[in-house]
C-alpha atoms as a PDB file:
ATOM      1  CA  MET A   1      -1.059  11.903 -13.359  1.00  0.00           C
ATOM      2  CA  LEU A   2      -2.444  14.776 -15.343  1.00  0.00           C
ATOM      3  CA  PHE A   3       0.881  16.279 -16.053  1.00  0.00           C
ATOM      4  CA  PRO A   4       3.354  13.651 -15.156  1.00  0.00           C
ATOM      5  CA  GLY A   5       6.335  15.203 -16.790  1.00  0.00           C
ATOM      6  CA  LEU A   6       5.726  18.891 -16.639  1.00  0.00           C
ATOM      7  CA  SER A   7       7.622  19.888 -13.564  1.00  0.00           C
ATOM      8  CA  LEU A   8      10.509  17.503 -14.521  1.00  0.00           C
ATOM      9  CA  PHE A   9      10.691  19.021 -18.079  1.00  0.00           C
ATOM     10  CA  LEU A  10      10.754  22.592 -16.724  1.00  0.00           C
ATOM     11  CA  GLY A  11      13.503  21.682 -14.190  1.00  0.00           C
ATOM     12  CA  LEU A  12      15.680  20.017 -16.848  1.00  0.00           C
ATOM     13  CA  LEU A  13      15.133  22.722 -19.304  1.00  0.00           C
ATOM     14  CA  MET A  14      16.519  25.225 -16.768  1.00  0.00           C
ATOM     15  CA  ALA A  15      19.150  22.950 -15.209  1.00  0.00           C
ATOM     16  CA  GLY A  16      20.626  21.063 -18.159  1.00  0.00           C
ATOM     17  CA  GLY A  17      21.109  23.494 -20.779  1.00  0.00           C
ATOM     18  CA  ALA A  18      20.634  27.044 -19.248  1.00  0.00           C
ATOM     19  CA  GLN A  19      23.902  28.833 -18.447  1.00  0.00           C
ATOM     20  CA  GLY A  20      22.008  31.526 -16.594  1.00  0.00           C
ATOM     21  CA  GLY A  21      20.485  29.508 -13.900  1.00  0.00           C
ATOM     22  CA  CYS A  22      19.937  26.037 -12.294  1.00  0.00           C
ATOM     23  CA  VAL A  23      17.049  24.660 -10.374  1.00  0.00           C
ATOM     24  CA  GLU A  24      17.173  21.621  -8.099  1.00  0.00           C
ATOM     25  CA  VAL A  25      14.035  19.602  -8.768  1.00  0.00           C
ATOM     26  CA  ALA A  26      12.981  16.878  -6.480  1.00  0.00           C
ATOM     27  CA  SER A  27      12.790  13.393  -7.877  1.00  0.00           C
ATOM     28  CA  GLY A  28       9.710  11.094  -8.284  1.00  0.00           C
ATOM     29  CA  THR A  29       9.435   8.506  -5.583  1.00  0.00           C
ATOM     30  CA  GLU A  30       6.969   6.021  -7.146  1.00  0.00           C
ATOM     31  CA  ALA A  31       7.874   3.776 -10.098  1.00  0.00           C
ATOM     32  CA  VAL A  32       5.501   1.444 -12.036  1.00  0.00           C
ATOM     33  CA  LEU A  33       6.639  -2.152 -12.130  1.00  0.00           C
ATOM     34  CA  GLY A  34       8.276  -3.031 -15.525  1.00  0.00           C
ATOM     35  CA  ALA A  35       8.220   0.634 -16.825  1.00  0.00           C
ATOM     36  CA  PRO A  36      11.273   2.915 -17.255  1.00  0.00           C
ATOM     37  CA  PHE A  37      11.845   5.479 -14.546  1.00  0.00           C
ATOM     38  CA  ARG A  38      14.241   8.380 -14.058  1.00  0.00           C
ATOM     39  CA  LEU A  39      15.923   9.009 -10.718  1.00  0.00           C
ATOM     40  CA  LEU A  40      16.484  12.751 -10.703  1.00  0.00           C
ATOM     41  CA  CYS A  41      19.399  14.325  -8.900  1.00  0.00           C
ATOM     42  CA  ILE A  42      20.445  17.951  -9.681  1.00  0.00           C
ATOM     43  CA  ALA A  43      23.170  19.690  -7.748  1.00  0.00           C
ATOM     44  CA  CYS A  44      23.494  23.324  -8.743  1.00  0.00           C
ATOM     45  CA  LYS A  45      26.933  24.933  -8.688  1.00  0.00           C
ATOM     46  CA  ARG A  46      26.783  27.955  -6.384  1.00  0.00           C
ATOM     47  CA  ARG A  47      29.428  29.952  -8.172  1.00  0.00           C
ATOM     48  CA  SER A  48      29.205  29.495 -11.868  1.00  0.00           C
ATOM     49  CA  GLU A  49      32.259  31.657 -12.699  1.00  0.00           C
ATOM     50  CA  THR A  50      34.604  29.171 -10.805  1.00  0.00           C
ATOM     51  CA  PRO A  51      36.025  26.353 -12.942  1.00  0.00           C
ATOM     52  CA  ALA A  52      35.183  22.914 -11.565  1.00  0.00           C
ATOM     53  CA  GLN A  53      35.457  19.282 -12.062  1.00  0.00           C
ATOM     54  CA  ALA A  54      32.853  16.773 -10.716  1.00  0.00           C
ATOM     55  CA  GLU A  55      31.919  13.028 -10.548  1.00  0.00           C
ATOM     56  CA  GLY A  56      28.874  11.337  -9.605  1.00  0.00           C
ATOM     57  CA  GLU A  57      28.019   8.262  -7.447  1.00  0.00           C
ATOM     58  CA  TRP A  58      24.911   6.468  -6.591  1.00  0.00           C
ATOM     59  CA  PHE A  59      24.268   4.117  -3.661  1.00  0.00           C
ATOM     60  CA  PHE A  60      21.468   1.791  -2.822  1.00  0.00           C
ATOM     61  CA  ARG A  61      20.096   0.123   0.176  1.00  0.00           C
ATOM     62  CA  PRO A  62      17.185  -2.428  -0.335  1.00  0.00           C
ATOM     63  CA  GLU A  63      14.247  -2.393   2.077  1.00  0.00           C
ATOM     64  CA  GLY A  64      15.256  -3.912   5.331  1.00  0.00           C
ATOM     65  CA  ALA A  65      18.889  -4.142   4.599  1.00  0.00           C
ATOM     66  CA  PRO A  66      21.483  -2.591   6.952  1.00  0.00           C
ATOM     67  CA  HIS A  67      24.002  -1.132   4.633  1.00  0.00           C
ATOM     68  CA  PHE A  68      24.210   0.935   1.444  1.00  0.00           C
ATOM     69  CA  GLN A  69      26.129  -0.501  -1.531  1.00  0.00           C
ATOM     70  CA  LYS A  70      27.681   1.480  -4.462  1.00  0.00           C
ATOM     71  CA  ILE A  71      25.758   0.782  -7.681  1.00  0.00           C
ATOM     72  CA  LEU A  72      27.054   3.450 -10.137  1.00  0.00           C
ATOM     73  CA  HIS A  73      29.984   5.756 -10.621  1.00  0.00           C
ATOM     74  CA  TYR A  74      30.336   8.295 -13.366  1.00  0.00           C
ATOM     75  CA  SER A  75      33.111  10.682 -14.391  1.00  0.00           C
ATOM     76  CA  PRO A  76      33.528  12.753 -17.485  1.00  0.00           C
ATOM     77  CA  GLU A  77      36.871  11.102 -18.348  1.00  0.00           C
ATOM     78  CA  GLU A  78      36.056   7.403 -17.557  1.00  0.00           C
ATOM     79  CA  GLY A  79      32.397   7.235 -18.226  1.00  0.00           C
ATOM     80  CA  GLN A  80      30.042   5.143 -16.129  1.00  0.00           C
ATOM     81  CA  TRP A  81      30.491   2.016 -14.041  1.00  0.00           C
ATOM     82  CA  VAL A  82      27.493  -0.094 -12.841  1.00  0.00           C
ATOM     83  CA  ALA A  83      27.887  -2.761 -10.119  1.00  0.00           C
ATOM     84  CA  PRO A  84      27.122  -6.383 -10.961  1.00  0.00           C
ATOM     85  CA  GLY A  85      23.610  -7.434  -9.676  1.00  0.00           C
ATOM     86  CA  PRO A  86      19.977  -6.310 -10.162  1.00  0.00           C
ATOM     87  CA  PHE A  87      21.224  -2.970 -11.644  1.00  0.00           C
ATOM     88  CA  GLN A  88      23.479  -4.505 -14.338  1.00  0.00           C
ATOM     89  CA  GLY A  89      22.118  -3.679 -17.682  1.00  0.00           C
ATOM     90  CA  VAL A  90      19.119  -1.814 -16.301  1.00  0.00           C
ATOM     91  CA  LEU A  91      20.723   1.250 -14.697  1.00  0.00           C
ATOM     92  CA  ALA A  92      22.410   3.855 -16.826  1.00  0.00           C
ATOM     93  CA  TRP A  93      23.794   7.469 -16.516  1.00  0.00           C
ATOM     94  CA  ASN A  94      21.186  10.042 -17.642  1.00  0.00           C
ATOM     95  CA  GLY A  95      22.893  13.310 -16.445  1.00  0.00           C
ATOM     96  CA  SER A  96      25.099  15.992 -17.731  1.00  0.00           C
ATOM     97  CA  ARG A  97      27.331  15.083 -20.638  1.00  0.00           C
ATOM     98  CA  GLY A  98      30.058  16.902 -22.654  1.00  0.00           C
ATOM     99  CA  THR A  99      31.273  18.835 -19.540  1.00  0.00           C
ATOM    100  CA  ARG A 100      33.930  18.318 -16.692  1.00  0.00           C
ATOM    101  CA  ASP A 101      31.550  19.876 -14.393  1.00  0.00           C
ATOM    102  CA  LEU A 102      28.309  18.069 -13.552  1.00  0.00           C
ATOM    103  CA  GLN A 103      25.111  19.580 -12.248  1.00  0.00           C
ATOM    104  CA  ASP A 104      22.594  16.918 -13.441  1.00  0.00           C
ATOM    105  CA  LEU A 105      23.440  13.581 -11.779  1.00  0.00           C
ATOM    106  CA  SER A 106      20.340  11.722 -12.715  1.00  0.00           C
ATOM    107  CA  VAL A 107      20.190   8.103 -13.667  1.00  0.00           C
ATOM    108  CA  ARG A 108      17.682   5.870 -15.585  1.00  0.00           C
ATOM    109  CA  LEU A 109      16.170   2.523 -14.913  1.00  0.00           C
ATOM    110  CA  SER A 110      15.098   0.957 -18.111  1.00  0.00           C
ATOM    111  CA  ALA A 111      12.733  -1.472 -16.485  1.00  0.00           C
ATOM    112  CA  VAL A 112      11.894  -1.131 -12.786  1.00  0.00           C
ATOM    113  CA  GLY A 113      11.742  -4.386 -10.788  1.00  0.00           C
ATOM    114  CA  ARG A 114      10.903  -5.427  -7.334  1.00  0.00           C
ATOM    115  CA  PRO A 115      14.430  -5.428  -6.210  1.00  0.00           C
ATOM    116  CA  HIS A 116      14.933  -1.902  -7.171  1.00  0.00           C
ATOM    117  CA  ALA A 117      12.565  -0.488  -4.340  1.00  0.00           C
ATOM    118  CA  GLY A 118      14.460   0.920  -1.508  1.00  0.00           C
ATOM    119  CA  LEU A 119      16.534   3.911  -0.442  1.00  0.00           C
ATOM    120  CA  TYR A 120      18.983   5.784  -2.901  1.00  0.00           C
ATOM    121  CA  VAL A 121      21.798   8.234  -2.302  1.00  0.00           C
ATOM    122  CA  CYS A 122      23.153  10.461  -4.799  1.00  0.00           C
ATOM    123  CA  ARG A 123      26.520  11.812  -4.221  1.00  0.00           C
ATOM    124  CA  LEU A 124      28.375  14.553  -5.919  1.00  0.00           C
ATOM    125  CA  ARG A 125      32.067  15.210  -5.586  1.00  0.00           C
ATOM    126  CA  ARG A 126      33.131  18.583  -6.891  1.00  0.00           C
ATOM    127  CA  ASN A 127      36.470  20.285  -7.093  1.00  0.00           C
ATOM    128  CA  LEU A 128      36.414  24.085  -7.433  1.00  0.00           C
ATOM    129  CA  THR A 129      39.602  25.633  -8.686  1.00  0.00           C
ATOM    130  CA  PHE A 130      40.517  28.892  -7.287  1.00  0.00           C
ATOM    131  CA  GLU A 131      43.754  30.877  -7.729  1.00  0.00           C
ATOM    132  CA  GLY A 132      46.420  28.898  -6.031  1.00  0.00           C
ATOM    133  CA  TYR A 133      44.360  26.071  -4.401  1.00  0.00           C
ATOM    134  CA  VAL A 134      41.538  23.564  -5.183  1.00  0.00           C
ATOM    135  CA  TYR A 135      38.493  23.248  -2.845  1.00  0.00           C
ATOM    136  CA  SER A 136      36.820  19.928  -2.715  1.00  0.00           C
ATOM    137  CA  LEU A 137      33.247  19.435  -1.561  1.00  0.00           C
ATOM    138  CA  ALA A 138      30.629  16.649  -1.459  1.00  0.00           C
ATOM    139  CA  ARG A 139      26.842  16.662  -1.446  1.00  0.00           C
ATOM    140  CA  ASN A 140      24.359  13.856  -0.734  1.00  0.00           C
ATOM    141  CA  LYS A 141      20.738  13.570  -1.760  1.00  0.00           C
ATOM    142  CA  THR A 142      18.535  10.773  -0.454  1.00  0.00           C
ATOM    143  CA  LEU A 143      15.362   9.563  -1.886  1.00  0.00           C
ATOM    144  CA  ARG A 144      13.170   6.576  -1.406  1.00  0.00           C
ATOM    145  CA  LEU A 145      11.625   4.654  -4.358  1.00  0.00           C
ATOM    146  CA  ALA A 146       8.474   2.681  -4.102  1.00  0.00           C
ATOM    147  CA  VAL A 147       7.538   0.096  -6.804  1.00  0.00           C
ATOM    148  CA  VAL A 148       3.802  -0.242  -7.556  1.00  0.00           C
ATOM    149  CA  ASP A 149       1.816  -2.259 -10.048  1.00  0.00           C
ATOM    150  CA  THR A 150      -0.178   0.583 -11.429  1.00  0.00           C
ATOM    151  CA  ALA A 151       0.465   4.304 -11.592  1.00  0.00           C
ATOM    152  CA  ARG A 152      -1.444   6.327  -9.062  1.00  0.00           C
ATOM    153  CA  ARG A 153      -2.306   9.937  -9.270  1.00  0.00           C
ATOM    154  CA  ASP A 154      -0.664  12.232  -6.821  1.00  0.00           C
ATOM    155  CA  LEU A 155      -2.319  15.008  -4.709  1.00  0.00           C
ATOM    156  CA  ALA A 156      -0.707  17.768  -6.837  1.00  0.00           C
ATOM    157  CA  SER A 157      -2.326  16.433 -10.125  1.00  0.00           C
ATOM    158  CA  ILE A 158      -5.728  16.184  -8.484  1.00  0.00           C
ATOM    159  CA  VAL A 159      -5.580  19.536  -7.184  1.00  0.00           C
ATOM    160  CA  SER A 160      -4.341  21.075 -10.426  1.00  0.00           C
ATOM    161  CA  GLU A 161      -7.280  19.403 -12.270  1.00  0.00           C
ATOM    162  CA  ILE A 162      -9.876  20.723  -9.806  1.00  0.00           C
ATOM    163  CA  LEU A 163      -8.306  24.187 -10.121  1.00  0.00           C
ATOM    164  CA  MET A 164      -8.444  24.009 -13.861  1.00  0.00           C
ATOM    165  CA  TYR A 165     -12.267  23.285 -13.885  1.00  0.00           C
ATOM    166  CA  VAL A 166     -12.899  25.905 -11.314  1.00  0.00           C
ATOM    167  CA  LEU A 167     -11.134  28.333 -13.508  1.00  0.00           C
ATOM    168  CA  ILE A 168     -13.195  27.301 -16.549  1.00  0.00           C
ATOM    169  CA  VAL A 169     -16.506  27.800 -14.666  1.00  0.00           C
ATOM    170  CA  VAL A 170     -15.445  31.145 -13.257  1.00  0.00           C
ATOM    171  CA  LEU A 171     -14.268  32.360 -16.624  1.00  0.00           C
ATOM    172  CA  THR A 172     -17.610  31.180 -18.323  1.00  0.00           C
ATOM    173  CA  LEU A 173     -19.631  32.975 -15.628  1.00  0.00           C
ATOM    174  CA  TRP A 174     -17.642  36.220 -16.030  1.00  0.00           C
ATOM    175  CA  LEU A 175     -18.051  36.152 -19.795  1.00  0.00           C
ATOM    176  CA  ALA A 176     -21.794  35.705 -19.450  1.00  0.00           C
ATOM    177  CA  ALA A 177     -21.907  38.527 -16.927  1.00  0.00           C
ATOM    178  CA  GLU A 178     -19.986  40.798 -19.326  1.00  0.00           C
ATOM    179  CA  MET A 179     -22.265  39.940 -22.154  1.00  0.00           C
ATOM    180  CA  LEU A 180     -25.350  40.724 -20.077  1.00  0.00           C
ATOM    181  CA  TYR A 181     -23.925  43.966 -18.925  1.00  0.00           C
ATOM    182  CA  CYS A 182     -23.012  45.120 -22.321  1.00  0.00           C
ATOM    183  CA  TYR A 183     -26.558  44.093 -23.522  1.00  0.00           C
ATOM    184  CA  ARG A 184     -28.262  46.152 -20.828  1.00  0.00           C
ATOM    185  CA  LYS A 185     -26.019  49.177 -21.565  1.00  0.00           C
ATOM    186  CA  VAL A 186     -26.751  49.171 -25.177  1.00  0.00           C
ATOM    187  CA  ALA A 187     -30.355  48.824 -24.553  1.00  0.00           C
ATOM    188  CA  ALA A 188     -30.440  51.704 -22.147  1.00  0.00           C
ATOM    189  CA  ALA A 189     -28.656  53.989 -24.680  1.00  0.00           C
ATOM    190  CA  ALA A 190     -31.096  53.199 -27.503  1.00  0.00           C
ATOM    191  CA  PRO A 191     -33.929  55.842 -28.022  1.00  0.00           C
ATOM    192  CA  PRO A 192     -37.431  54.994 -26.960  1.00  0.00           C
ATOM    193  CA  PRO A 193     -39.703  53.679 -29.789  1.00  0.00           C
ATOM    194  CA  ASP A 194     -41.971  56.925 -29.774  1.00  0.00           C
ATOM    195  CA  SER A 195     -39.104  59.226 -29.959  1.00  0.00           C
ATOM    196  CA  ALA A 196     -37.594  57.174 -32.855  1.00  0.00           C
ATOM    197  CA  SER A 197     -40.928  57.438 -34.772  1.00  0.00           C
ATOM    198  CA  GLU A 198     -41.097  61.208 -34.265  1.00  0.00           C
ATOM    199  CA  TYR A 199     -37.607  61.469 -35.381  1.00  0.00           C
ATOM    200  CA  LEU A 200     -38.251  59.668 -38.606  1.00  0.00           C
ATOM    201  CA  ALA A 201     -41.445  61.674 -39.298  1.00  0.00           C
ATOM    202  CA  ILE A 202     -39.530  65.034 -38.838  1.00  0.00           C
ATOM    203  CA  THR A 203     -36.672  63.758 -41.046  1.00  0.00           C
ATOM    204  CA  SER A 204     -39.337  62.797 -43.902  1.00  0.00           C
ATOM    205  CA  GLU A 205     -41.115  66.251 -43.509  1.00  0.00           C
ATOM    206  CA  SER A 206     -37.749  68.056 -43.772  1.00  0.00           C
ATOM    207  CA  LYS A 207     -36.885  66.122 -46.955  1.00  0.00           C
ATOM    208  CA  GLU A 208     -40.333  67.029 -48.498  1.00  0.00           C
ATOM    209  CA  ASN A 209     -39.887  70.715 -47.669  1.00  0.00           C
ATOM    210  CA  CYS A 210     -36.359  70.779 -49.164  1.00  0.00           C
ATOM    211  CA  ALA A 211     -37.652  69.068 -52.363  1.00  0.00           C
ATOM    212  CA  GLY A 212     -40.520  71.739 -52.578  1.00  0.00           C
ATOM    213  CA  VAL A 213     -38.013  74.490 -52.263  1.00  0.00           C
ATOM    214  CA  GLN A 214     -35.884  73.185 -55.009  1.00  0.00           C
ATOM    215  CA  VAL A 215     -38.815  72.773 -57.440  1.00  0.00           C
ATOM    216  CA  ALA A 216     -40.023  76.290 -56.781  1.00  0.00           C
ATOM    217  CA  GLU A 217     -36.620  77.672 -57.659  1.00  0.00           C
END
Protein backbone atom coordinates (compact mmCIF):
# COMPACT_ATOMS: atom_id res chain seq x y z
CA MET A 1 0.00 0.00 0.00
CA LEU A 2 1.08 3.54 -0.65
CA PHE A 3 -0.34 4.91 2.58
CA PRO A 4 -1.10 1.78 4.63
CA GLY A 5 -1.73 3.53 7.94
CA LEU A 6 -2.94 6.94 6.92
CA SER A 7 -6.69 6.42 7.24
CA LEU A 8 -6.19 4.30 10.36
CA PHE A 9 -4.03 6.97 12.01
CA LEU A 10 -6.54 9.73 11.29
CA GLY A 11 -9.40 7.65 12.60
CA LEU A 12 -7.61 6.78 15.83
CA LEU A 13 -6.47 10.37 16.30
CA MET A 14 -10.06 11.58 16.21
CA ALA A 15 -11.62 8.63 18.00
CA GLY A 16 -9.14 7.75 20.71
CA GLY A 17 -8.15 11.04 22.22
CA ALA A 18 -10.46 13.72 20.89
CA GLN A 19 -13.28 14.70 23.19
CA GLY A 20 -15.06 16.74 20.54
CA GLY A 21 -15.82 13.87 18.15
CA CYS A 22 -15.49 10.24 17.24
CA VAL A 23 -15.09 8.61 13.84
CA GLU A 24 -15.96 4.97 13.18
CA VAL A 25 -13.27 3.69 10.82
CA ALA A 26 -13.56 0.34 9.07
CA SER A 27 -10.93 -2.25 9.86
CA GLY A 28 -8.55 -3.79 7.39
CA THR A 29 -9.51 -7.23 6.12
CA GLU A 30 -6.20 -8.65 4.87
CA ALA A 31 -3.26 -9.62 7.07
CA VAL A 32 0.20 -10.85 6.09
CA LEU A 33 1.26 -14.22 7.44
CA GLY A 34 3.66 -13.85 10.38
CA ALA A 35 3.21 -10.06 10.64
CA PRO A 36 1.36 -8.14 13.36
CA PHE A 37 -2.14 -6.91 12.60
CA ARG A 38 -4.67 -4.67 14.34
CA LEU A 39 -8.34 -5.59 14.20
CA LEU A 40 -10.02 -2.20 14.36
CA CYS A 41 -13.39 -1.76 16.08
CA ILE A 42 -14.59 1.74 17.01
CA ALA A 43 -18.08 2.29 18.45
CA CYS A 44 -18.80 5.96 19.06
CA LYS A 45 -21.06 6.99 21.90
CA ARG A 46 -23.99 8.98 20.54
CA ARG A 47 -24.49 11.16 23.62
CA SER A 48 -21.13 12.19 25.06
CA GLU A 49 -22.71 14.08 27.96
CA THR A 50 -24.25 10.87 29.37
CA PRO A 51 -22.06 8.91 31.83
CA ALA A 52 -21.47 5.37 30.63
CA GLN A 53 -19.73 2.12 31.49
CA ALA A 54 -18.76 -0.35 28.80
CA GLU A 55 -17.01 -3.64 28.16
CA GLY A 56 -15.88 -5.31 24.96
CA GLU A 57 -16.01 -8.86 23.63
CA TRP A 58 -14.58 -10.52 20.56
CA PHE A 59 -15.88 -13.69 18.91
CA PHE A 60 -14.31 -15.78 16.15
CA ARG A 61 -15.51 -18.37 13.68
CA PRO A 62 -12.89 -20.18 11.55
CA GLU A 63 -13.50 -20.70 7.88
CA GLY A 64 -15.97 -23.56 7.44
CA ALA A 65 -16.88 -23.78 11.14
CA PRO A 66 -20.57 -23.59 12.11
CA HIS A 67 -20.35 -21.64 15.38
CA PHE A 68 -18.62 -18.63 16.91
CA GLN A 69 -16.44 -18.92 19.98
CA LYS A 70 -15.56 -16.19 22.45
CA ILE A 71 -11.87 -15.35 22.21
CA LEU A 72 -11.48 -12.15 24.27
CA HIS A 73 -13.27 -10.16 26.95
CA TYR A 74 -12.19 -6.79 28.30
CA SER A 75 -13.57 -4.61 31.08
CA PRO A 76 -11.92 -1.53 32.65
CA GLU A 77 -12.16 -3.09 36.11
CA GLU A 78 -10.92 -6.63 35.36
CA GLY A 79 -8.71 -6.12 32.32
CA GLN A 80 -8.52 -8.64 29.49
CA TRP A 81 -9.25 -12.34 29.26
CA VAL A 82 -8.09 -14.40 26.25
CA ALA A 83 -9.47 -17.85 25.51
CA PRO A 84 -7.06 -20.80 25.36
CA GLY A 85 -6.20 -21.93 21.87
CA PRO A 86 -4.65 -20.31 18.79
CA PHE A 87 -5.18 -16.80 20.21
CA GLN A 88 -3.49 -17.41 23.56
CA GLY A 89 -0.33 -15.29 23.78
CA VAL A 90 -1.04 -13.73 20.37
CA LEU A 91 -4.23 -11.71 20.84
CA ALA A 92 -4.22 -8.64 23.12
CA TRP A 93 -6.48 -5.70 23.88
CA ASN A 94 -5.42 -2.59 21.95
CA GLY A 95 -8.34 -0.24 22.54
CA SER A 96 -9.42 2.38 25.06
CA ARG A 97 -7.70 2.42 28.45
CA GLY A 98 -7.95 4.56 31.55
CA THR A 99 -11.69 5.12 31.16
CA ARG A 100 -14.82 3.28 32.24
CA ASP A 101 -16.41 4.02 28.90
CA LEU A 102 -15.00 2.37 25.78
CA GLN A 103 -15.21 3.69 22.25
CA ASP A 104 -12.15 1.95 20.79
CA LEU A 105 -12.50 -1.83 21.13
CA SER A 106 -9.61 -2.77 18.85
CA VAL A 107 -7.40 -5.80 19.45
CA ARG A 108 -3.97 -6.73 18.13
CA LEU A 109 -2.53 -9.96 16.77
CA SER A 110 1.21 -10.00 17.41
CA ALA A 111 1.85 -12.60 14.68
CA VAL A 112 -0.87 -13.62 12.25
CA GLY A 113 -1.20 -17.34 11.52
CA ARG A 114 -3.30 -19.44 9.20
CA PRO A 115 -5.73 -20.38 12.01
CA HIS A 116 -6.55 -16.69 12.50
CA ALA A 117 -8.33 -16.40 9.14
CA GLY A 118 -12.08 -16.29 9.45
CA LEU A 119 -15.01 -14.21 10.62
CA TYR A 120 -14.75 -11.90 13.66
CA VAL A 121 -17.48 -10.19 15.67
CA CYS A 122 -16.71 -7.24 17.93
CA ARG A 123 -19.42 -6.69 20.55
CA LEU A 124 -19.80 -3.60 22.73
CA ARG A 125 -21.91 -3.71 25.88
CA ARG A 126 -22.60 -0.21 27.20
CA ASN A 127 -24.66 1.02 30.15
CA LEU A 128 -25.82 4.63 29.89
CA THR A 129 -26.69 6.23 33.23
CA PHE A 130 -29.64 8.63 33.19
CA GLU A 131 -31.47 10.23 36.09
CA GLY A 132 -33.25 7.43 37.84
CA TYR A 133 -32.44 4.52 35.53
CA VAL A 134 -29.72 2.76 33.51
CA TYR A 135 -30.15 2.00 29.83
CA SER A 136 -28.21 -0.99 28.44
CA LEU A 137 -27.38 -1.53 24.81
CA ALA A 138 -25.21 -3.81 22.69
CA ARG A 139 -23.63 -3.27 19.30
CA ASN A 140 -22.03 -5.84 17.02
CA LYS A 141 -19.56 -5.29 14.22
CA THR A 142 -18.57 -8.10 11.87
CA LEU A 143 -15.43 -8.36 9.75
CA ARG A 144 -13.77 -11.09 7.74
CA LEU A 145 -10.00 -11.48 7.92
CA ALA A 146 -8.00 -13.11 5.14
CA VAL A 147 -4.39 -14.22 5.63
CA VAL A 148 -2.02 -13.85 2.65
CA ASP A 149 1.64 -14.64 2.12
CA THR A 150 2.62 -11.18 0.86
CA ALA A 151 0.97 -7.79 1.09
CA ARG A 152 -1.09 -6.70 -1.88
CA ARG A 153 -1.92 -3.15 -2.81
CA ASP A 154 -5.57 -2.29 -2.60
CA LEU A 155 -7.52 -0.31 -5.15
CA ALA A 156 -7.59 2.85 -3.04
CA SER A 157 -3.79 3.09 -2.86
CA ILE A 158 -3.45 2.53 -6.61
CA VAL A 159 -6.02 5.21 -7.40
CA SER A 160 -4.42 7.66 -4.96
CA GLU A 161 -1.00 7.15 -6.55
CA ILE A 162 -2.40 7.70 -10.05
CA LEU A 163 -4.17 10.87 -8.93
CA MET A 164 -0.95 12.13 -7.33
CA TYR A 165 1.00 11.78 -10.59
CA VAL A 166 -1.83 13.35 -12.60
CA LEU A 167 -1.86 16.29 -10.20
CA ILE A 168 1.91 16.74 -10.55
CA VAL A 169 1.64 16.79 -14.35
CA VAL A 170 -1.27 19.24 -14.30
CA LEU A 171 0.54 21.59 -11.94
CA THR A 172 3.71 21.45 -14.06
CA LEU A 173 1.78 22.31 -17.22
CA TRP A 174 -0.06 25.10 -15.43
CA LEU A 175 3.23 26.59 -14.17
CA ALA A 176 4.74 26.44 -17.65
CA ALA A 177 1.66 28.16 -19.12
CA GLU A 178 1.83 30.89 -16.48
CA MET A 179 5.51 31.53 -17.17
CA LEU A 180 4.86 31.73 -20.93
CA TYR A 181 1.94 34.11 -20.41
CA CYS A 182 4.00 36.40 -18.16
CA TYR A 183 6.90 36.40 -20.64
CA ARG A 184 4.62 37.41 -23.52
CA LYS A 185 2.97 40.09 -21.41
CA VAL A 186 6.32 41.64 -20.44
CA ALA A 187 7.57 41.45 -24.04
CA ALA A 188 4.43 43.18 -25.31
CA ALA A 189 4.77 46.01 -22.77
CA ALA A 190 8.45 46.75 -23.65
CA PRO A 191 9.06 49.67 -26.14
CA PRO A 192 10.16 48.82 -29.69
CA PRO A 193 13.93 48.99 -30.40
CA ASP A 194 13.65 52.12 -32.66
CA SER A 195 11.63 54.02 -30.09
CA ALA A 196 14.15 53.10 -27.43
CA SER A 197 17.03 54.42 -29.57
CA GLU A 198 15.21 57.71 -30.26
CA TYR A 199 14.48 58.05 -26.55
CA LEU A 200 18.13 57.59 -25.67
CA ALA A 201 19.21 60.11 -28.33
CA ILE A 202 16.73 62.73 -27.10
CA THR A 203 17.87 62.18 -23.54
CA SER A 204 21.55 62.64 -24.48
CA GLU A 205 20.78 65.82 -26.45
CA SER A 206 18.82 67.24 -23.53
CA LYS A 207 21.73 66.62 -21.20
CA GLU A 208 24.16 68.40 -23.56
CA ASN A 209 21.86 71.42 -23.84
CA CYS A 210 21.51 71.63 -20.10
CA ALA A 211 25.31 71.48 -19.71
CA GLY A 212 25.73 74.29 -22.28
CA VAL A 213 23.29 76.51 -20.45
CA GLN A 214 25.14 76.01 -17.18
CA VAL A 215 28.52 76.96 -18.79
CA ALA A 216 27.03 80.06 -20.40
CA GLU A 217 25.76 81.22 -17.05
